Amino acid sequence: MPNVPAAASALDVLEYLSRHAEPVPAASVARDLVLPRSSVYHLLTVLCSRGYVTHYVEDRRFGLGAAAYELGSAYQRQAPLSRVARAPMRRLVDQSGRNAHFATLDGRDVIYLLEERAPGQPTLVTDVGVRLPAHLTASGVAMLSALPGAQVRALYPDRGSFTQRHGTGPSSLTELRTLLTRTRADGFAREDGTVTPDLSSVAVPVLDRADRPLAAVAVTFRSADGNPDHVAELVNRAKGAASDIARRLSPSPR
């Protein structure tokens, strides 16, 4: 693979800016990426001229520009998450014999992008395009568990943020934090009858290279079938599908 330091450094700068919610000073970019300040200023100047970075002159800070947004939008048009995930999700259903679904996070909701059904399994409410409160679903909890605490707090500022469906699920930020801590410790999220009585789900997040949640893979089964060994098997298969999808979305350079 050819060594192109300038191109690699430019991408490092863009990735760095994308990980910060607010614009940052050039000095911070140079310090954290261990790059000469002169090189960072040169890269930022070029990226600004092409619209990938915006210079906030009064604040002496830099953030992502409109061209970066347009590039991300073009990617979504060309390779939407559902297209990338379809084959791994079908394989998950074939291997597990259970219904599986693929969802992404939109504010406090999950949006279901794919549902793959296994023969003889119960019908789910998680059809494509359906929205459900994230804190009530295994998929949503899996993704929320991968978010910074400050972002979770911003999404759920008060008790009014906690929609209830069947009178179950977290109803406060304290309860949600406890659930997310347990989810991180377990390595997966689980919900039992919160969305549909007598049905349970396990889910794992699909993470990008910066460990941010892009989506979640979930498997649903009858609660009566949820013995520990069976659940562990479903979790492992869901993790395999999530890893496969993550690799397809962010392939390693060759």
Protein backbone atom coordinates (compact mmCIF):
# COMPACT_ATOMS: atom_id res chain seq x y z
CA MET A 1 0.00 0.00 0.00
CA PRO A 2 1.55 3.41 -0.95
CA ASN A 3 2.51 5.64 1.95
CA VAL A 4 0.78 9.03 1.56
CA PRO A 5 1.42 10.89 4.84
CA ALA A 6 -0.44 14.09 3.86
CA ALA A 7 -3.57 12.20 2.89
CA ALA A 8 -3.45 10.12 6.08
CA SER A 9 -2.96 13.25 8.21
CA ALA A 10 -5.86 15.04 6.50
CA LEU A 11 -8.14 12.09 7.25
CA ASP A 12 -6.87 11.98 10.84
CA VAL A 13 -7.83 15.66 11.21
CA LEU A 14 -11.33 15.08 9.80
CA GLU A 15 -11.89 12.05 12.04
CA TYR A 16 -10.66 14.04 15.04
CA LEU A 17 -13.08 16.88 14.33
CA SER A 18 -15.94 14.41 13.86
CA ARG A 19 -15.39 13.03 17.37
CA HIS A 20 -15.99 16.42 19.00
CA ALA A 21 -19.41 17.94 19.50
CA GLU A 22 -17.98 21.47 19.38
CA PRO A 23 -15.32 23.17 17.22
CA VAL A 24 -11.79 22.87 18.59
CA PRO A 25 -8.60 24.99 18.46
CA ALA A 26 -5.88 24.04 16.00
CA ALA A 27 -3.47 23.65 18.91
CA SER A 28 -5.65 20.88 20.35
CA VAL A 29 -5.66 19.08 17.00
CA ALA A 30 -1.86 19.26 16.80
CA ARG A 31 -1.40 18.13 20.41
CA ASP A 32 -3.82 15.21 20.35
CA LEU A 33 -2.73 13.93 16.92
CA VAL A 34 0.95 14.52 17.70
CA LEU A 35 1.44 16.56 14.52
CA PRO A 36 3.56 19.70 13.97
CA ARG A 37 1.46 22.85 14.36
CA SER A 38 2.63 24.15 11.00
CA SER A 39 1.42 20.97 9.29
CA VAL A 40 -1.94 21.14 11.06
CA TYR A 41 -2.49 24.77 10.03
CA HIS A 42 -1.60 23.89 6.44
CA LEU A 43 -4.01 20.92 6.42
CA LEU A 44 -6.78 23.00 7.98
CA THR A 45 -6.27 25.74 5.41
CA VAL A 46 -6.59 23.27 2.53
CA LEU A 47 -9.60 21.53 4.08
CA CYS A 48 -11.27 24.91 4.69
CA SER A 49 -10.70 25.92 1.06
CA ARG A 50 -12.49 22.76 -0.07
CA GLY A 51 -15.37 23.18 2.38
CA TYR A 52 -14.60 20.12 4.53
CA VAL A 53 -13.68 22.27 7.53
CA THR A 54 -15.14 25.56 8.78
CA HIS A 55 -12.95 28.15 10.51
CA TYR A 56 -14.78 30.04 13.26
CA VAL A 57 -12.54 33.10 13.18
CA GLU A 58 -13.87 34.89 16.26
CA ASP A 59 -13.54 31.73 18.37
CA ARG A 60 -10.24 30.65 16.79
CA ARG A 61 -11.67 27.16 16.39
CA PHE A 62 -12.30 24.66 13.62
CA GLY A 63 -15.21 22.30 12.95
CA LEU A 64 -16.52 20.13 10.16
CA GLY A 65 -17.80 21.95 7.06
CA ALA A 66 -20.70 21.49 4.68
CA ALA A 67 -18.66 19.36 2.27
CA ALA A 68 -18.11 16.77 4.99
CA TYR A 69 -21.87 16.59 5.52
CA GLU A 70 -22.47 16.28 1.78
CA LEU A 71 -19.93 13.45 1.58
CA GLY A 72 -21.68 11.61 4.40
CA SER A 73 -25.05 12.13 2.74
CA ALA A 74 -23.69 10.76 -0.55
CA TYR A 75 -22.48 7.67 1.28
CA GLN A 76 -25.92 7.14 2.79
CA ARG A 77 -27.50 7.39 -0.67
CA GLN A 78 -25.05 4.93 -2.23
CA ALA A 79 -24.75 2.39 0.56
CA PRO A 80 -27.53 2.68 3.14
CA LEU A 81 -27.17 0.72 6.34
CA SER A 82 -29.96 -1.66 5.41
CA ARG A 83 -28.27 -2.70 2.17
CA VAL A 84 -24.97 -3.43 3.92
CA ALA A 85 -26.71 -5.35 6.72
CA ARG A 86 -29.10 -7.47 4.66
CA ALA A 87 -26.84 -10.49 4.00
CA PRO A 88 -25.49 -10.76 7.58
CA MET A 89 -29.02 -10.46 8.97
CA ARG A 90 -30.35 -13.21 6.71
CA ARG A 91 -27.46 -15.42 7.76
CA LEU A 92 -28.24 -14.69 11.43
CA VAL A 93 -31.85 -15.82 10.96
CA ASP A 94 -30.76 -18.98 9.12
CA GLN A 95 -28.32 -19.86 11.91
CA SER A 96 -30.53 -19.00 14.88
CA GLY A 97 -33.98 -19.97 13.59
CA ARG A 98 -35.32 -16.78 15.24
CA ASN A 99 -36.62 -13.46 13.97
CA ALA A 100 -33.96 -10.77 13.78
CA HIS A 101 -34.11 -7.04 13.24
CA PHE A 102 -31.72 -4.22 12.49
CA ALA A 103 -32.36 -0.72 13.83
CA THR A 104 -30.73 2.66 14.15
CA LEU A 105 -31.07 5.42 16.75
CA ASP A 106 -32.91 8.69 16.04
CA GLY A 107 -33.06 10.85 19.14
CA ARG A 108 -34.97 8.90 21.78
CA ASP A 109 -36.43 6.52 19.19
CA VAL A 110 -35.20 3.48 17.36
CA ILE A 111 -36.13 3.12 13.70
CA TYR A 112 -36.27 -0.41 12.33
CA LEU A 113 -34.49 -0.67 9.00
CA LEU A 114 -34.67 -4.43 8.44
CA GLU A 115 -36.70 -7.33 9.78
CA GLU A 116 -35.83 -10.87 8.79
CA ARG A 117 -38.39 -13.48 9.83
CA ALA A 118 -37.77 -17.14 10.52
CA PRO A 119 -40.39 -19.79 9.65
CA GLY A 120 -42.80 -20.56 12.46
CA GLN A 121 -41.82 -17.58 14.60
CA PRO A 122 -44.31 -15.03 15.99
CA THR A 123 -45.13 -11.82 14.14
CA LEU A 124 -43.38 -8.76 15.55
CA VAL A 125 -44.35 -5.08 15.80
CA THR A 126 -40.83 -4.13 14.70
CA ASP A 127 -41.56 -3.92 10.99
CA VAL A 128 -39.46 -1.76 8.67
CA GLY A 129 -40.03 1.95 9.36
CA VAL A 130 -41.61 1.42 12.78
CA ARG A 131 -40.42 3.73 15.58
CA LEU A 132 -40.33 2.69 19.23
CA PRO A 133 -38.95 4.38 22.37
CA ALA A 134 -35.26 3.47 22.56
CA HIS A 135 -35.21 2.90 26.34
CA LEU A 136 -37.89 0.18 26.03
CA THR A 137 -36.19 -1.91 23.35
CA ALA A 138 -33.13 -4.14 23.47
CA SER A 139 -31.87 -2.49 20.28
CA GLY A 140 -32.23 1.00 21.75
CA VAL A 141 -30.62 0.11 25.06
CA ALA A 142 -27.71 -1.54 23.24
CA MET A 143 -27.04 1.69 21.32
CA LEU A 144 -27.63 3.99 24.30
CA SER A 145 -25.11 1.98 26.31
CA ALA A 146 -22.43 2.94 23.77
CA LEU A 147 -23.13 6.69 24.02
CA PRO A 148 -21.30 9.08 26.37
CA GLY A 149 -23.16 9.73 29.61
CA ALA A 150 -23.61 13.42 28.80
CA GLN A 151 -25.37 12.54 25.54
CA VAL A 152 -27.73 10.14 27.31
CA ARG A 153 -28.50 12.84 29.86
CA ALA A 154 -29.28 15.32 27.08
CA LEU A 155 -31.65 12.83 25.45
CA TYR A 156 -33.48 12.15 28.73
CA PRO A 157 -33.54 15.44 30.65
CA ASP A 158 -36.58 14.63 32.84
CA ARG A 159 -39.14 11.97 33.72
CA GLY A 160 -41.39 13.17 30.92
CA SER A 161 -38.83 11.78 28.46
CA PHE A 162 -39.59 8.20 29.52
CA THR A 163 -42.53 6.92 27.49
CA GLN A 164 -44.15 3.76 28.87
CA ARG A 165 -45.70 1.00 26.76
CA HIS A 166 -46.85 -1.79 29.07
CA GLY A 167 -46.00 -0.16 32.38
CA THR A 168 -42.47 -1.58 32.34
CA GLY A 169 -39.02 -0.30 31.52
CA PRO A 170 -36.96 2.53 33.06
CA SER A 171 -38.93 5.60 34.12
CA SER A 172 -36.08 7.85 35.27
CA LEU A 173 -32.51 8.72 34.31
CA THR A 174 -31.24 6.88 37.39
CA GLU A 175 -33.01 3.69 36.36
CA LEU A 176 -31.79 4.06 32.78
CA ARG A 177 -28.19 4.57 33.90
CA THR A 178 -28.40 1.42 36.00
CA LEU A 179 -29.72 -0.50 33.00
CA LEU A 180 -26.99 0.86 30.70
CA THR A 181 -24.26 -0.01 33.23
CA ARG A 182 -25.53 -3.58 33.40
CA THR A 183 -25.75 -3.74 29.60
CA ARG A 184 -22.11 -2.65 29.23
CA ALA A 185 -21.04 -5.21 31.84
CA ASP A 186 -23.01 -8.03 30.15
CA GLY A 187 -21.92 -7.07 26.64
CA PHE A 188 -25.52 -7.11 25.36
CA ALA A 189 -28.96 -5.65 26.05
CA ARG A 190 -32.06 -7.68 26.89
CA GLU A 191 -35.72 -6.81 27.17
CA ASP A 192 -38.45 -9.15 28.37
CA GLY A 193 -42.03 -8.31 27.39
CA THR A 194 -41.43 -4.56 27.36
CA VAL A 195 -42.39 -4.21 23.69
CA THR A 196 -44.62 -7.28 23.26
CA PRO A 197 -45.80 -9.48 26.15
CA ASP A 198 -44.34 -13.02 26.17
CA LEU A 199 -41.56 -12.06 23.72
CA SER A 200 -37.95 -11.27 24.65
CA SER A 201 -35.06 -9.84 22.68
CA VAL A 202 -31.30 -9.59 22.98
CA ALA A 203 -29.31 -6.98 21.07
CA VAL A 204 -25.78 -5.75 20.51
CA PRO A 205 -24.60 -2.45 19.00
CA VAL A 206 -22.84 -2.08 15.65
CA LEU A 207 -19.93 0.26 16.36
CA ASP A 208 -17.83 2.35 14.02
CA ARG A 209 -14.05 2.61 14.34
CA ALA A 210 -14.45 5.33 16.98
CA ASP A 211 -16.76 3.01 19.01
CA ARG A 212 -19.84 5.09 18.24
CA PRO A 213 -23.11 3.20 17.75
CA LEU A 214 -24.25 3.10 14.13
CA ALA A 215 -27.06 0.60 14.60
CA ALA A 216 -28.02 -2.51 16.55
CA VAL A 217 -28.64 -6.17 15.75
CA ALA A 218 -31.36 -7.92 17.75
CA VAL A 219 -32.84 -11.40 17.93
CA THR A 220 -36.35 -12.02 19.31
CA PHE A 221 -37.63 -15.24 20.88
CA ARG A 222 -40.52 -16.47 23.01
CA SER A 223 -39.80 -15.63 26.63
CA ALA A 224 -40.57 -19.21 27.60
CA ASP A 225 -37.61 -20.34 25.46
CA GLY A 226 -35.14 -18.03 27.18
CA ASN A 227 -32.97 -20.51 29.08
CA PRO A 228 -29.43 -19.18 29.76
CA ASP A 229 -27.67 -21.44 27.25
CA HIS A 230 -30.07 -20.52 24.45
CA VAL A 231 -29.78 -16.81 25.23
CA ALA A 232 -25.97 -17.04 25.26
CA GLU A 233 -26.03 -18.71 21.86
CA LEU A 234 -28.30 -16.02 20.39
CA VAL A 235 -26.10 -13.27 21.82
CA ASN A 236 -22.98 -14.80 20.27
CA ARG A 237 -24.68 -15.08 16.89
CA ALA A 238 -25.92 -11.48 17.12
CA LYS A 239 -22.38 -10.35 17.98
CA GLY A 240 -21.07 -12.19 14.94
CA ALA A 241 -23.58 -10.44 12.68
CA ALA A 242 -22.81 -7.04 14.24
CA SER A 243 -19.07 -7.54 13.72
CA ASP A 244 -19.66 -8.57 10.11
CA ILE A 245 -21.77 -5.46 9.45
CA ALA A 246 -19.20 -3.21 11.14
CA ARG A 247 -16.44 -4.66 8.92
CA ARG A 248 -18.54 -4.06 5.82
CA LEU A 249 -19.20 -0.45 6.84
CA SER A 250 -15.59 0.29 7.81
CA PRO A 251 -13.35 -2.17 5.96
CA SER A 252 -9.69 -2.36 6.97
CA PRO A 253 -7.30 -0.85 4.44
CA ARG A 254 -5.53 -3.34 2.23
